PDB file of N, CA and C in Angstrom:
ATOM      1  N   MET A   1      -3.357  -0.210 -17.821  1.00  0.00           N
ATOM      2  CA  MET A   1      -4.662  -0.460 -18.519  1.00  0.00           C
ATOM      3  C   MET A   1      -5.748   0.131 -17.655  1.00  0.00           C
ATOM      4  N   GLU A   2      -6.213   1.239 -18.130  1.00  0.00           N
ATOM      5  CA  GLU A   2      -7.202   1.985 -17.301  1.00  0.00           C
ATOM      6  C   GLU A   2      -8.554   1.245 -17.222  1.00  0.00           C
ATOM      7  N   SER A   3      -8.822   0.329 -18.071  1.00  0.00           N
ATOM      8  CA  SER A   3     -10.109  -0.441 -18.046  1.00  0.00           C
ATOM      9  C   SER A   3      -9.935  -1.697 -17.219  1.00  0.00           C
ATOM     10  N   ALA A   4      -8.808  -1.951 -16.708  1.00  0.00           N
ATOM     11  CA  ALA A   4      -8.641  -3.213 -15.922  1.00  0.00           C
ATOM     12  C   ALA A   4      -9.388  -3.150 -14.580  1.00  0.00           C
ATOM     13  N   ARG A   5      -9.977  -4.281 -14.163  1.00  0.00           N
ATOM     14  CA  ARG A   5     -10.567  -4.433 -12.898  1.00  0.00           C
ATOM     15  C   ARG A   5      -9.911  -5.642 -12.212  1.00  0.00           C
ATOM     16  N   VAL A   6      -9.517  -5.556 -10.899  1.00  0.00           N
ATOM     17  CA  VAL A   6      -8.816  -6.648 -10.204  1.00  0.00           C
ATOM     18  C   VAL A   6      -9.671  -6.964  -8.996  1.00  0.00           C
ATOM     19  N   MET A   7      -9.942  -8.299  -8.918  1.00  0.00           N
ATOM     20  CA  MET A   7     -10.552  -8.876  -7.713  1.00  0.00           C
ATOM     21  C   MET A   7      -9.547  -9.743  -7.002  1.00  0.00           C
ATOM     22  N   TYR A   8      -9.606  -9.527  -5.681  1.00  0.00           N
ATOM     23  CA  TYR A   8      -8.738 -10.330  -4.762  1.00  0.00           C
ATOM     24  C   TYR A   8      -9.642 -11.001  -3.724  1.00  0.00           C
ATOM     25  N   LYS A   9      -9.651 -12.226  -3.650  1.00  0.00           N
ATOM     26  CA  LYS A   9     -10.533 -12.966  -2.742  1.00  0.00           C
ATOM     27  C   LYS A   9     -11.976 -12.577  -2.932  1.00  0.00           C
ATOM     28  N   HIS A  10     -12.357 -12.568  -4.161  1.00  0.00           N
ATOM     29  CA  HIS A  10     -13.713 -12.211  -4.630  1.00  0.00           C
ATOM     30  C   HIS A  10     -14.260 -10.858  -4.181  1.00  0.00           C
ATOM     31  N   LYS A  11     -13.213  -9.924  -3.862  1.00  0.00           N
ATOM     32  CA  LYS A  11     -13.587  -8.543  -3.543  1.00  0.00           C
ATOM     33  C   LYS A  11     -12.778  -7.560  -4.507  1.00  0.00           C
ATOM     34  N   LEU A  12     -13.407  -6.524  -4.860  1.00  0.00           N
ATOM     35  CA  LEU A  12     -12.868  -5.581  -5.788  1.00  0.00           C
ATOM     36  C   LEU A  12     -11.635  -4.919  -5.143  1.00  0.00           C
ATOM     37  N   SER A  13     -10.505  -4.923  -5.706  1.00  0.00           N
ATOM     38  CA  SER A  13      -9.327  -4.322  -5.218  1.00  0.00           C
ATOM     39  C   SER A  13      -9.370  -2.772  -5.391  1.00  0.00           C
ATOM     40  N   LYS A  14      -8.885  -2.083  -4.447  1.00  0.00           N
ATOM     41  CA  LYS A  14      -8.860  -0.614  -4.417  1.00  0.00           C
ATOM     42  C   LYS A  14      -7.559  -0.051  -4.750  1.00  0.00           C
ATOM     43  N   TYR A  15      -6.469  -0.897  -4.608  1.00  0.00           N
ATOM     44  CA  TYR A  15      -5.132  -0.330  -4.751  1.00  0.00           C
ATOM     45  C   TYR A  15      -4.329  -1.402  -5.712  1.00  0.00           C
ATOM     46  N   PHE A  16      -4.339  -1.144  -6.954  1.00  0.00           N
ATOM     47  CA  PHE A  16      -3.634  -1.994  -7.909  1.00  0.00           C
ATOM     48  C   PHE A  16      -3.262  -1.245  -9.187  1.00  0.00           C
ATOM     49  N   GLY A  17      -2.408  -1.883  -9.981  1.00  0.00           N
ATOM     50  CA  GLY A  17      -2.074  -1.361 -11.267  1.00  0.00           C
ATOM     51  C   GLY A  17      -1.819  -2.520 -12.218  1.00  0.00           C
ATOM     52  N   VAL A  18      -2.252  -2.301 -13.540  1.00  0.00           N
ATOM     53  CA  VAL A  18      -2.129  -3.280 -14.524  1.00  0.00           C
ATOM     54  C   VAL A  18      -1.551  -2.555 -15.780  1.00  0.00           C
ATOM     55  N   PHE A  19      -0.443  -3.112 -16.295  1.00  0.00           N
ATOM     56  CA  PHE A  19       0.264  -2.491 -17.394  1.00  0.00           C
ATOM     57  C   PHE A  19       0.449  -3.653 -18.461  1.00  0.00           C
ATOM     58  N   ARG A  20       0.107  -3.285 -19.665  1.00  0.00           N
ATOM     59  CA  ARG A  20       0.315  -4.259 -20.729  1.00  0.00           C
ATOM     60  C   ARG A  20       1.488  -3.868 -21.657  1.00  0.00           C
ATOM     61  N   ALA A  21       2.379  -4.745 -21.896  1.00  0.00           N
ATOM     62  CA  ALA A  21       3.504  -4.513 -22.762  1.00  0.00           C
ATOM     63  C   ALA A  21       3.033  -4.681 -24.281  1.00  0.00           C
ATOM     64  N   PRO A  22       3.782  -4.158 -25.223  1.00  0.00           N
ATOM     65  CA  PRO A  22       3.466  -4.205 -26.624  1.00  0.00           C
ATOM     66  C   PRO A  22       3.332  -5.763 -27.067  1.00  0.00           C
ATOM     67  N   GLY A  23       4.067  -6.622 -26.405  1.00  0.00           N
ATOM     68  CA  GLY A  23       4.023  -8.090 -26.769  1.00  0.00           C
ATOM     69  C   GLY A  23       2.895  -8.817 -26.096  1.00  0.00           C
ATOM     70  N   GLY A  24       2.023  -8.114 -25.334  1.00  0.00           N
ATOM     71  CA  GLY A  24       0.890  -8.751 -24.670  1.00  0.00           C
ATOM     72  C   GLY A  24       1.122  -9.114 -23.164  1.00  0.00           C
ATOM     73  N   GLU A  25       2.332  -9.157 -22.765  1.00  0.00           N
ATOM     74  CA  GLU A  25       2.640  -9.465 -21.293  1.00  0.00           C
ATOM     75  C   GLU A  25       1.929  -8.393 -20.469  1.00  0.00           C
ATOM     76  N   MET A  26       1.545  -8.819 -19.239  1.00  0.00           N
ATOM     77  CA  MET A  26       1.002  -7.865 -18.300  1.00  0.00           C
ATOM     78  C   MET A  26       1.772  -7.863 -17.006  1.00  0.00           C
ATOM     79  N   PHE A  27       2.082  -6.686 -16.487  1.00  0.00           N
ATOM     80  CA  PHE A  27       2.624  -6.512 -15.183  1.00  0.00           C
ATOM     81  C   PHE A  27       1.495  -5.996 -14.265  1.00  0.00           C
ATOM     82  N   VAL A  28       1.384  -6.701 -13.174  1.00  0.00           N
ATOM     83  CA  VAL A  28       0.241  -6.365 -12.259  1.00  0.00           C
ATOM     84  C   VAL A  28       0.821  -6.263 -10.804  1.00  0.00           C
ATOM     85  N   TRP A  29       0.527  -5.190 -10.139  1.00  0.00           N
ATOM     86  CA  TRP A  29       0.807  -5.062  -8.750  1.00  0.00           C
ATOM     87  C   TRP A  29      -0.518  -4.903  -8.000  1.00  0.00           C
ATOM     88  N   ILE A  30      -0.564  -5.537  -6.824  1.00  0.00           N
ATOM     89  CA  ILE A  30      -1.787  -5.558  -6.052  1.00  0.00           C
ATOM     90  C   ILE A  30      -1.395  -5.538  -4.532  1.00  0.00           C
ATOM     91  N   SER A  31      -2.074  -4.666  -3.825  1.00  0.00           N
ATOM     92  CA  SER A  31      -1.673  -4.521  -2.446  1.00  0.00           C
ATOM     93  C   SER A  31      -2.804  -4.880  -1.381  1.00  0.00           C
ATOM     94  N   ASP A  32      -3.653  -5.857  -1.843  1.00  0.00           N
ATOM     95  CA  ASP A  32      -4.703  -6.313  -1.013  1.00  0.00           C
ATOM     96  C   ASP A  32      -4.327  -7.413  -0.006  1.00  0.00           C
ATOM     97  N   ALA A  33      -3.238  -8.076  -0.316  1.00  0.00           N
ATOM     98  CA  ALA A  33      -2.784  -9.167   0.634  1.00  0.00           C
ATOM     99  C   ALA A  33      -1.995  -8.679   1.824  1.00  0.00           C
ATOM    100  N   TYR A  34      -1.614  -9.525   2.656  1.00  0.00           N
ATOM    101  CA  TYR A  34      -0.777  -9.004   3.761  1.00  0.00           C
ATOM    102  C   TYR A  34       0.537  -8.457   3.350  1.00  0.00           C
ATOM    103  N   TYR A  35       0.961  -8.773   2.099  1.00  0.00           N
ATOM    104  CA  TYR A  35       2.180  -8.305   1.520  1.00  0.00           C
ATOM    105  C   TYR A  35       1.862  -7.921   0.097  1.00  0.00           C
ATOM    106  N   PRO A  36       2.359  -6.694  -0.344  1.00  0.00           N
ATOM    107  CA  PRO A  36       2.051  -6.331  -1.758  1.00  0.00           C
ATOM    108  C   PRO A  36       2.886  -7.063  -2.737  1.00  0.00           C
ATOM    109  N   TRP A  37       2.203  -7.821  -3.632  1.00  0.00           N
ATOM    110  CA  TRP A  37       2.877  -8.631  -4.556  1.00  0.00           C
ATOM    111  C   TRP A  37       2.841  -8.039  -5.999  1.00  0.00           C
ATOM    112  N   GLN A  38       3.801  -8.343  -6.798  1.00  0.00           N
ATOM    113  CA  GLN A  38       3.817  -7.943  -8.242  1.00  0.00           C
ATOM    114  C   GLN A  38       3.867  -9.239  -9.028  1.00  0.00           C
ATOM    115  N   TYR A  39       3.142  -9.348 -10.133  1.00  0.00           N
ATOM    116  CA  TYR A  39       3.044 -10.509 -10.982  1.00  0.00           C
ATOM    117  C   TYR A  39       3.405 -10.081 -12.438  1.00  0.00           C
ATOM    118  N   LEU A  40       3.808 -11.146 -13.146  1.00  0.00           N
ATOM    119  CA  LEU A  40       4.132 -10.911 -14.604  1.00  0.00           C
ATOM    120  C   LEU A  40       3.394 -12.063 -15.353  1.00  0.00           C
ATOM    121  N   TYR A  41       2.380 -11.674 -16.111  1.00  0.00           N
ATOM    122  CA  TYR A  41       1.586 -12.645 -16.937  1.00  0.00           C
ATOM    123  C   TYR A  41       2.203 -12.657 -18.282  1.00  0.00           C
ATOM    124  N   ARG A  42       2.516 -13.931 -18.730  1.00  0.00           N
ATOM    125  CA  ARG A  42       3.016 -14.062 -20.090  1.00  0.00           C
ATOM    126  C   ARG A  42       2.045 -14.923 -20.899  1.00  0.00           C
ATOM    127  N   PRO A  43       1.212 -14.283 -21.727  1.00  0.00           N
ATOM    128  CA  PRO A  43       0.163 -15.021 -22.406  1.00  0.00           C
ATOM    129  C   PRO A  43       0.689 -16.182 -23.430  1.00  0.00           C
ATOM    130  N   GLN A  44       1.847 -15.889 -23.992  1.00  0.00           N
ATOM    131  CA  GLN A  44       2.370 -16.897 -24.974  1.00  0.00           C
ATOM    132  C   GLN A  44       2.776 -18.174 -24.231  1.00  0.00           C
ATOM    133  N   LYS A  45       3.257 -18.020 -23.015  1.00  0.00           N
ATOM    134  CA  LYS A  45       3.698 -19.242 -22.265  1.00  0.00           C
ATOM    135  C   LYS A  45       2.569 -19.722 -21.327  1.00  0.00           C
ATOM    136  N   LYS A  46       1.557 -18.873 -21.149  1.00  0.00           N
ATOM    137  CA  LYS A  46       0.401 -19.199 -20.272  1.00  0.00           C
ATOM    138  C   LYS A  46       0.970 -19.340 -18.798  1.00  0.00           C
ATOM    139  N   THR A  47       1.793 -18.378 -18.321  1.00  0.00           N
ATOM    140  CA  THR A  47       2.448 -18.461 -17.012  1.00  0.00           C
ATOM    141  C   THR A  47       2.170 -17.152 -16.252  1.00  0.00           C
ATOM    142  N   VAL A  48       2.101 -17.208 -14.934  1.00  0.00           N
ATOM    143  CA  VAL A  48       2.132 -16.076 -14.113  1.00  0.00           C
ATOM    144  C   VAL A  48       3.320 -16.281 -13.138  1.00  0.00           C
ATOM    145  N   GLU A  49       4.179 -15.269 -12.939  1.00  0.00           N
ATOM    146  CA  GLU A  49       5.301 -15.422 -12.037  1.00  0.00           C
ATOM    147  C   GLU A  49       5.373 -14.161 -11.154  1.00  0.00           C
ATOM    148  N   ILE A  50       6.156 -14.312 -10.087  1.00  0.00           N
ATOM    149  CA  ILE A  50       6.388 -13.148  -9.286  1.00  0.00           C
ATOM    150  C   ILE A  50       7.336 -12.220 -10.037  1.00  0.00           C
ATOM    151  N   ALA A  51       7.059 -10.969  -9.999  1.00  0.00           N
ATOM    152  CA  ALA A  51       7.915  -9.979 -10.787  1.00  0.00           C
ATOM    153  C   ALA A  51       8.628  -9.076  -9.821  1.00  0.00           C
ATOM    154  N   PHE A  52       9.815  -8.627 -10.191  1.00  0.00           N
ATOM    155  CA  PHE A  52      10.520  -7.629  -9.346  1.00  0.00           C
ATOM    156  C   PHE A  52       9.796  -6.285  -9.383  1.00  0.00           C
ATOM    157  N   GLU A  53       9.599  -5.723  -8.218  1.00  0.00           N
ATOM    158  CA  GLU A  53       8.773  -4.440  -8.186  1.00  0.00           C
ATOM    159  C   GLU A  53       9.450  -3.228  -8.855  1.00  0.00           C
ATOM    160  N   GLY A  54      10.759  -3.338  -9.019  1.00  0.00           N
ATOM    161  CA  GLY A  54      11.348  -2.238  -9.667  1.00  0.00           C
ATOM    162  C   GLY A  54      11.507  -2.286 -11.193  1.00  0.00           C
ATOM    163  N   LEU A  55      10.738  -3.256 -11.717  1.00  0.00           N
ATOM    164  CA  LEU A  55      10.816  -3.492 -13.144  1.00  0.00           C
ATOM    165  C   LEU A  55      10.285  -2.319 -13.973  1.00  0.00           C
ATOM    166  N   LEU A  56       9.235  -1.647 -13.507  1.00  0.00           N
ATOM    167  CA  LEU A  56       8.673  -0.594 -14.294  1.00  0.00           C
ATOM    168  C   LEU A  56       8.756   0.778 -13.638  1.00  0.00           C
ATOM    169  N   VAL A  57       9.122   1.758 -14.429  1.00  0.00           N
ATOM    170  CA  VAL A  57       9.239   3.146 -13.839  1.00  0.00           C
ATOM    171  C   VAL A  57       8.468   4.045 -14.733  1.00  0.00           C
ATOM    172  N   ASN A  58       8.144   5.322 -14.226  1.00  0.00           N
ATOM    173  CA  ASN A  58       7.474   6.283 -15.086  1.00  0.00           C
ATOM    174  C   ASN A  58       8.564   7.141 -15.840  1.00  0.00           C
ATOM    175  N   ARG A  59       8.195   8.107 -16.574  1.00  0.00           N
ATOM    176  CA  ARG A  59       9.168   8.907 -17.365  1.00  0.00           C
ATOM    177  C   ARG A  59      10.245   9.534 -16.525  1.00  0.00           C
ATOM    178  N   SER A  60       9.921   9.916 -15.317  1.00  0.00           N
ATOM    179  CA  SER A  60      10.952  10.547 -14.495  1.00  0.00           C
ATOM    180  C   SER A  60      11.810   9.547 -13.674  1.00  0.00           C
ATOM    181  N   GLY A  61      11.546   8.290 -13.863  1.00  0.00           N
ATOM    182  CA  GLY A  61      12.395   7.283 -13.144  1.00  0.00           C
ATOM    183  C   GLY A  61      11.798   6.734 -11.859  1.00  0.00           C
ATOM    184  N   THR A  62      10.686   7.189 -11.455  1.00  0.00           N
ATOM    185  CA  THR A  62      10.054   6.743 -10.124  1.00  0.00           C
ATOM    186  C   THR A  62       9.382   5.399 -10.418  1.00  0.00           C
ATOM    187  N   TYR A  63       9.511   4.469  -9.451  1.00  0.00           N
ATOM    188  CA  TYR A  63       8.872   3.107  -9.566  1.00  0.00           C
ATOM    189  C   TYR A  63       7.352   3.358  -9.745  1.00  0.00           C
ATOM    190  N   ILE A  64       6.820   2.710 -10.766  1.00  0.00           N
ATOM    191  CA  ILE A  64       5.425   2.969 -11.181  1.00  0.00           C
ATOM    192  C   ILE A  64       4.452   2.637 -10.004  1.00  0.00           C
ATOM    193  N   TRP A  65       4.764   1.706  -9.170  1.00  0.00           N
ATOM    194  CA  TRP A  65       3.860   1.331  -8.052  1.00  0.00           C
ATOM    195  C   TRP A  65       3.704   2.481  -7.008  1.00  0.00           C
ATOM    196  N   LYS A  66       4.620   3.455  -7.159  1.00  0.00           N
ATOM    197  CA  LYS A  66       4.467   4.597  -6.234  1.00  0.00           C
ATOM    198  C   LYS A  66       3.768   5.783  -6.819  1.00  0.00           C
ATOM    199  N   THR A  67       3.286   5.604  -8.012  1.00  0.00           N
ATOM    200  CA  THR A  67       2.646   6.752  -8.769  1.00  0.00           C
ATOM    201  C   THR A  67       1.209   6.318  -9.126  1.00  0.00           C
ATOM    202  N   LYS A  68       0.495   7.243  -9.763  1.00  0.00           N
ATOM    203  CA  LYS A  68      -0.856   6.929 -10.269  1.00  0.00           C
ATOM    204  C   LYS A  68      -0.838   7.094 -11.874  1.00  0.00           C
ATOM    205  N   GLU A  69       0.343   7.001 -12.387  1.00  0.00           N
ATOM    206  CA  GLU A  69       0.502   7.199 -13.866  1.00  0.00           C
ATOM    207  C   GLU A  69      -0.010   5.963 -14.612  1.00  0.00           C
ATOM    208  N   THR A  70      -0.325   6.225 -15.892  1.00  0.00           N
ATOM    209  CA  THR A  70      -0.892   5.073 -16.626  1.00  0.00           C
ATOM    210  C   THR A  70       0.117   4.582 -17.720  1.00  0.00           C
ATOM    211  N   GLU A  71       1.303   5.108 -17.723  1.00  0.00           N
ATOM    212  CA  GLU A  71       2.318   4.643 -18.731  1.00  0.00           C
ATOM    213  C   GLU A  71       3.606   4.338 -17.956  1.00  0.00           C
ATOM    214  N   ALA A  72       4.236   3.106 -18.316  1.00  0.00           N
ATOM    215  CA  ALA A  72       5.418   2.735 -17.577  1.00  0.00           C
ATOM    216  C   ALA A  72       6.528   2.257 -18.563  1.00  0.00           C
ATOM    217  N   PHE A  73       7.662   2.185 -18.107  1.00  0.00           N
ATOM    218  CA  PHE A  73       8.794   1.725 -18.933  1.00  0.00           C
ATOM    219  C   PHE A  73       9.677   0.796 -18.198  1.00  0.00           C
ATOM    220  N   SER A  74      10.306  -0.141 -18.794  1.00  0.00           N
ATOM    221  CA  SER A  74      11.205  -1.076 -18.191  1.00  0.00           C
ATOM    222  C   SER A  74      12.548  -0.460 -17.867  1.00  0.00           C
ATOM    223  N   LEU A  75      13.131  -0.787 -16.756  1.00  0.00           N
ATOM    224  CA  LEU A  75      14.412  -0.305 -16.430  1.00  0.00           C
ATOM    225  C   LEU A  75      15.480  -1.066 -17.315  1.00  0.00           C
ATOM    226  N   ASN A  76      16.452  -0.390 -17.809  1.00  0.00           N
ATOM    227  CA  ASN A  76      17.521  -1.012 -18.650  1.00  0.00           C
ATOM    228  C   ASN A  76      18.321  -2.019 -17.936  1.00  0.00           C
ATOM    229  N   ASP A  77      18.480  -1.915 -16.604  1.00  0.00           N
ATOM    230  CA  ASP A  77      19.346  -2.877 -15.871  1.00  0.00           C
ATOM    231  C   ASP A  77      18.581  -3.954 -15.263  1.00  0.00           C
ATOM    232  N   TYR A  78      17.381  -4.178 -15.681  1.00  0.00           N
ATOM    233  CA  TYR A  78      16.549  -5.363 -15.185  1.00  0.00           C
ATOM    234  C   TYR A  78      17.273  -6.625 -15.654  1.00  0.00           C
ATOM    235  N   SER A  79      17.393  -7.537 -14.711  1.00  0.00           N
ATOM    236  CA  SER A  79      18.279  -8.768 -15.020  1.00  0.00           C
ATOM    237  C   SER A  79      17.574  -9.774 -15.915  1.00  0.00           C
ATOM    238  N   GLY A  80      16.288  -9.645 -16.188  1.00  0.00           N
ATOM    239  CA  GLY A  80      15.673 -10.693 -16.977  1.00  0.00           C
ATOM    240  C   GLY A  80      14.472 -11.317 -16.256  1.00  0.00           C
ATOM    241  N   PRO A  81      13.760 -12.181 -16.966  1.00  0.00           N
ATOM    242  CA  PRO A  81      12.568 -12.792 -16.376  1.00  0.00           C
ATOM    243  C   PRO A  81      12.892 -13.815 -15.208  1.00  0.00           C
ATOM    244  N   SER A  82      11.973 -13.884 -14.301  1.00  0.00           N
ATOM    245  CA  SER A  82      12.092 -14.786 -13.209  1.00  0.00           C
ATOM    246  C   SER A  82      11.933 -16.288 -13.765  1.00  0.00           C
ATOM    247  N   THR A  83      12.476 -17.196 -13.069  1.00  0.00           N
ATOM    248  CA  THR A  83      12.313 -18.581 -13.424  1.00  0.00           C
ATOM    249  C   THR A  83      11.277 -19.215 -12.433  1.00  0.00           C
ATOM    250  N   ASN A  84      10.752 -18.486 -11.526  1.00  0.00           N
ATOM    251  CA  ASN A  84       9.803 -18.899 -10.523  1.00  0.00           C
ATOM    252  C   ASN A  84       8.393 -18.781 -11.046  1.00  0.00           C
ATOM    253  N   THR A  85       7.898 -19.764 -11.732  1.00  0.00           N
ATOM    254  CA  THR A  85       6.511 -19.720 -12.220  1.00  0.00           C
ATOM    255  C   THR A  85       5.671 -20.000 -11.033  1.00  0.00           C
ATOM    256  N   GLU A  86       4.837 -18.941 -10.734  1.00  0.00           N
ATOM    257  CA  GLU A  86       4.050 -18.936  -9.484  1.00  0.00           C
ATOM    258  C   GLU A  86       2.795 -19.809  -9.646  1.00  0.00           C
ATOM    259  N   ASP A  87       2.120 -19.869 -10.709  1.00  0.00           N
ATOM    260  CA  ASP A  87       0.856 -20.509 -10.806  1.00  0.00           C
ATOM    261  C   ASP A  87       0.679 -21.378 -12.030  1.00  0.00           C
ATOM    262  N   ALA A  88       0.634 -22.689 -11.825  1.00  0.00           N
ATOM    263  CA  ALA A  88       0.310 -23.574 -12.900  1.00  0.00           C
ATOM    264  C   ALA A  88      -1.190 -23.714 -13.099  1.00  0.00           C
ATOM    265  N   HIS A  89      -1.983 -22.971 -12.270  1.00  0.00           N
ATOM    266  CA  HIS A  89      -3.478 -23.046 -12.303  1.00  0.00           C
ATOM    267  C   HIS A  89      -4.023 -21.855 -13.019  1.00  0.00           C
ATOM    268  N   LEU A  90      -3.295 -21.155 -13.878  1.00  0.00           N
ATOM    269  CA  LEU A  90      -3.774 -20.014 -14.535  1.00  0.00           C
ATOM    270  C   LEU A  90      -4.954 -20.463 -15.420  1.00  0.00           C
ATOM    271  N   VAL A  91      -6.049 -19.638 -15.322  1.00  0.00           N
ATOM    272  CA  VAL A  91      -7.243 -19.801 -16.150  1.00  0.00           C
ATOM    273  C   VAL A  91      -7.466 -18.590 -17.014  1.00  0.00           C
ATOM    274  N   GLU A  92      -7.555 -18.812 -18.280  1.00  0.00           N
ATOM    275  CA  GLU A  92      -7.921 -17.671 -19.176  1.00  0.00           C
ATOM    276  C   GLU A  92      -9.455 -17.650 -19.353  1.00  0.00           C
ATOM    277  N   ILE A  93      -9.978 -16.447 -19.007  1.00  0.00           N
ATOM    278  CA  ILE A  93     -11.443 -16.216 -19.181  1.00  0.00           C
ATOM    279  C   ILE A  93     -11.715 -15.170 -20.239  1.00  0.00           C
ATOM    280  N   PRO A  94     -12.973 -14.997 -20.690  1.00  0.00           N
ATOM    281  CA  PRO A  94     -13.195 -13.966 -21.716  1.00  0.00           C
ATOM    282  C   PRO A  94     -12.774 -12.598 -21.102  1.00  0.00           C
ATOM    283  N   ASN A  95     -11.800 -11.933 -21.779  1.00  0.00           N
ATOM    284  CA  ASN A  95     -11.294 -10.644 -21.446  1.00  0.00           C
ATOM    285  C   ASN A  95     -10.702 -10.613 -20.101  1.00  0.00           C
ATOM    286  N   GLY A  96      -9.929 -11.705 -19.733  1.00  0.00           N
ATOM    287  CA  GLY A  96      -9.336 -11.733 -18.454  1.00  0.00           C
ATOM    288  C   GLY A  96      -8.555 -13.005 -18.174  1.00  0.00           C
ATOM    289  N   ILE A  97      -8.050 -13.029 -16.874  1.00  0.00           N
ATOM    290  CA  ILE A  97      -7.338 -14.227 -16.350  1.00  0.00           C
ATOM    291  C   ILE A  97      -7.664 -14.349 -14.901  1.00  0.00           C
ATOM    292  N   LYS A  98      -7.418 -15.600 -14.399  1.00  0.00           N
ATOM    293  CA  LYS A  98      -7.626 -15.895 -12.965  1.00  0.00           C
ATOM    294  C   LYS A  98      -6.443 -16.785 -12.538  1.00  0.00           C
ATOM    295  N   PHE A  99      -5.807 -16.478 -11.385  1.00  0.00           N
ATOM    296  CA  PHE A  99      -4.758 -17.299 -10.931  1.00  0.00           C
ATOM    297  C   PHE A  99      -4.642 -17.267  -9.409  1.00  0.00           C
ATOM    298  N   ARG A 100      -3.935 -18.146  -8.828  1.00  0.00           N
ATOM    299  CA  ARG A 100      -3.677 -18.241  -7.378  1.00  0.00           C
ATOM    300  C   ARG A 100      -2.762 -17.077  -6.913  1.00  0.00           C
ATOM    301  N   SER A 101      -3.119 -16.458  -5.846  1.00  0.00           N
ATOM    302  CA  SER A 101      -2.221 -15.433  -5.256  1.00  0.00           C
ATOM    303  C   SER A 101      -0.909 -16.131  -4.713  1.00  0.00           C
ATOM    304  N   SER A 102       0.124 -15.310  -4.457  1.00  0.00           N
ATOM    305  CA  SER A 102       1.358 -15.829  -3.845  1.00  0.00           C
ATOM    306  C   SER A 102       1.030 -16.389  -2.397  1.00  0.00           C
ATOM    307  N   SER A 103       0.032 -15.870  -1.802  1.00  0.00           N
ATOM    308  CA  SER A 103      -0.362 -16.275  -0.448  1.00  0.00           C
ATOM    309  C   SER A 103      -1.502 -17.382  -0.461  1.00  0.00           C
ATOM    310  N   TYR A 104      -1.685 -17.973  -1.569  1.00  0.00           N
ATOM    311  CA  TYR A 104      -2.749 -18.983  -1.741  1.00  0.00           C
ATOM    312  C   TYR A 104      -2.719 -20.064  -0.670  1.00  0.00           C
ATOM    313  N   GLU A 105      -1.516 -20.612  -0.308  1.00  0.00           N
ATOM    314  CA  GLU A 105      -1.321 -21.623   0.667  1.00  0.00           C
ATOM    315  C   GLU A 105      -1.873 -21.195   2.012  1.00  0.00           C
ATOM    316  N   GLN A 106      -1.800 -19.877   2.287  1.00  0.00           N
ATOM    317  CA  GLN A 106      -2.272 -19.350   3.598  1.00  0.00           C
ATOM    318  C   GLN A 106      -3.783 -18.973   3.622  1.00  0.00           C
ATOM    319  N   ASP A 107      -4.198 -18.322   2.534  1.00  0.00           N
ATOM    320  CA  ASP A 107      -5.564 -17.777   2.519  1.00  0.00           C
ATOM    321  C   ASP A 107      -6.462 -18.116   1.366  1.00  0.00           C
ATOM    322  N   GLU A 108      -5.911 -19.006   0.537  1.00  0.00           N
ATOM    323  CA  GLU A 108      -6.671 -19.472  -0.690  1.00  0.00           C
ATOM    324  C   GLU A 108      -7.183 -18.336  -1.480  1.00  0.00           C
ATOM    325  N   ALA A 109      -6.392 -17.320  -1.634  1.00  0.00           N
ATOM    326  CA  ALA A 109      -6.841 -16.068  -2.332  1.00  0.00           C
ATOM    327  C   ALA A 109      -6.537 -16.337  -3.869  1.00  0.00           C
ATOM    328  N   ILE A 110      -7.631 -15.977  -4.640  1.00  0.00           N
ATOM    329  CA  ILE A 110      -7.597 -16.000  -6.052  1.00  0.00           C
ATOM    330  C   ILE A 110      -7.578 -14.599  -6.603  1.00  0.00           C
ATOM    331  N   ILE A 111      -6.773 -14.336  -7.566  1.00  0.00           N
ATOM    332  CA  ILE A 111      -6.743 -12.994  -8.225  1.00  0.00           C
ATOM    333  C   ILE A 111      -7.396 -13.119  -9.583  1.00  0.00           C
ATOM    334  N   GLU A 112      -8.349 -12.231  -9.875  1.00  0.00           N
ATOM    335  CA  GLU A 112      -8.983 -12.246 -11.191  1.00  0.00           C
ATOM    336  C   GLU A 112      -8.807 -10.856 -11.811  1.00  0.00           C
ATOM    337  N   ILE A 113      -8.328 -10.823 -12.990  1.00  0.00           N
ATOM    338  CA  ILE A 113      -8.081  -9.568 -13.742  1.00  0.00           C
ATOM    339  C   ILE A 113      -8.950  -9.604 -14.969  1.00  0.00           C
ATOM    340  N   THR A 114      -9.828  -8.553 -15.212  1.00  0.00           N
ATOM    341  CA  THR A 114     -10.571  -8.420 -16.382  1.00  0.00           C
ATOM    342  C   THR A 114     -10.326  -7.034 -16.993  1.00  0.00           C
ATOM    343  N   TRP A 115     -10.543  -7.008 -18.336  1.00  0.00           N
ATOM    344  CA  TRP A 115     -10.365  -5.731 -19.019  1.00  0.00           C
ATOM    345  C   TRP A 115     -11.363  -5.606 -20.136  1.00  0.00           C
TER     346      TRP A 115
END
């Protein structure tokens, strides 16, 4: 999503990617924390979970988080959705969402994505 804007700990992220699936789900990678995390937002379930970083690739098969491309595809051998719901504190805002980072217990980081 080229129009997406990502905030991490109330600061604009400089290194992130947001991809929306046809069903509305969003795959988000963000590298502002001490460890680069990937999240999967499921709007129908109102959940955010940790996502496997190899989930999305570009047309040539390179992991999308290693490129600057704007279109991604799921790998065929992906094992399925995670059962680890990361944030029960998901907040839907106009044209966006907010949720706790994976490192929230250590640094109280909130991630906000708007589009």
